[in-house]
Structure formats: structure tokens, C-alpha cells
Amino acid sequence: MNHRCIIDDCGEAKCPTCPDFVNELLQNTVIRSWCSYVCIQIGTSPLEVVAVGAGAMSALGGKFFGPICKPYP
């Protein structure tokens, strides 16, 4: 498959409905930040999304894991 993946969005590891102490705990012990990806087919017009994915930065050791991709739709 001839495609290119680009970063779609990134952010801190947060739970929007959780109290602040839960978010601090998550960011210090599990995941510090995340990014989502979108993969598009090269040479098509209009652009065709062929896969989506996500990756994250571990709070322990600061290691990146991912991206984990899934065909779309």
C-alpha cells in the first residue's frame, strides 16, 4: 500500500471528567502524552484515509510506544 502517515493531534494524558489529582496520577505513572495519526493514500484525489493510529509517551522511562494502527474504516 502506497500511503503516508501524519500526526493528526497530540496532547497530555488527561481524563476530561476526572478530578485533577487523577490526571496528575495518570501523567506520573502511566502515560505522559499521546499523539494520533492519520494515514492517507498517495496519489488519490480527493485524499483517501486508509488507516488511523495512536502512540504515547510512557511516564516511566519516557519511552515512546506505538503507533498502533488500524485500517480505516
Protein backbone atom coordinates (compact mmCIF):
# COMPACT_ATOMS: atom_id res chain seq x y z
CA MET A 1 0.00 0.00 0.00
CA ASN A 2 1.42 3.37 -1.01
CA HIS A 3 0.46 5.67 1.85
CA ARG A 4 1.83 8.36 4.15
CA CYS A 5 1.03 8.76 7.84
CA ILE A 6 0.97 12.17 9.51
CA ILE A 7 0.36 13.35 13.05
CA ASP A 8 -3.25 14.42 13.42
CA ASP A 9 -3.32 15.62 17.05
CA CYS A 10 -1.30 15.43 20.29
CA GLY A 11 -2.00 16.17 23.92
CA GLU A 12 -1.37 15.41 27.54
CA ALA A 13 -2.76 12.27 29.11
CA LYS A 14 -5.94 13.61 30.65
CA CYS A 15 -9.35 12.47 31.63
CA PRO A 16 -11.63 15.48 30.98
CA THR A 17 -14.21 14.43 33.58
CA CYS A 18 -11.73 13.33 36.27
CA PRO A 19 -10.53 15.37 39.24
CA ASP A 20 -7.08 16.98 38.85
CA PHE A 21 -5.40 14.51 41.22
CA VAL A 22 -6.39 11.61 38.91
CA ASN A 23 -4.83 13.34 35.90
CA GLU A 24 -1.64 14.03 37.85
CA LEU A 25 -1.51 10.37 38.87
CA LEU A 26 -2.03 9.21 35.26
CA GLN A 27 0.66 11.54 33.93
CA ASN A 28 3.17 10.48 36.58
CA THR A 29 2.64 6.71 36.47
CA VAL A 30 1.18 5.60 33.15
CA ILE A 31 1.12 7.87 30.07
CA ARG A 32 2.57 11.36 29.92
CA SER A 33 1.30 12.35 26.45
CA TRP A 34 -0.21 10.91 23.27
CA CYS A 35 -0.43 11.58 19.51
CA SER A 36 -2.94 10.35 16.96
CA TYR A 37 -2.09 9.62 13.35
CA VAL A 38 -3.98 9.50 10.08
CA CYS A 39 -2.67 7.63 7.04
CA ILE A 40 -3.66 8.74 3.55
CA GLN A 41 -3.34 7.01 0.19
CA ILE A 42 -0.78 8.76 -2.03
CA GLY A 43 -1.89 9.86 -5.48
CA THR A 44 -5.65 9.98 -4.93
CA SER A 45 -7.92 12.98 -5.29
CA PRO A 46 -9.72 13.59 -3.05
CA LEU A 47 -7.38 12.21 -0.36
CA GLU A 48 -8.43 8.80 0.92
CA VAL A 49 -7.89 7.87 4.58
CA VAL A 50 -6.67 4.26 4.73
CA ALA A 51 -5.65 3.90 8.40
CA VAL A 52 -5.66 5.63 11.79
CA GLY A 53 -3.38 5.14 14.75
CA ALA A 54 -2.10 6.39 18.07
CA GLY A 55 1.09 6.38 20.09
CA ALA A 56 2.01 7.51 23.58
CA MET A 57 4.94 8.61 25.72
CA SER A 58 5.36 6.47 28.83
CA ALA A 59 5.62 8.24 32.17
CA LEU A 60 8.08 5.59 33.30
CA GLY A 61 11.35 5.97 31.44
CA GLY A 62 9.94 8.39 28.87
CA LYS A 63 9.76 5.76 26.13
CA PHE A 64 7.50 6.16 23.10
CA PHE A 65 5.31 3.22 22.18
CA GLY A 66 3.30 2.94 19.01
CA PRO A 67 1.96 3.97 16.74
CA ILE A 68 -0.63 1.27 16.85
CA CYS A 69 -2.51 1.47 13.56
CA LYS A 70 -5.82 0.14 12.35
CA PRO A 71 -7.20 0.10 8.80
CA TYR A 72 -9.92 2.69 8.24
CA PRO A 73 -12.94 2.38 8.18
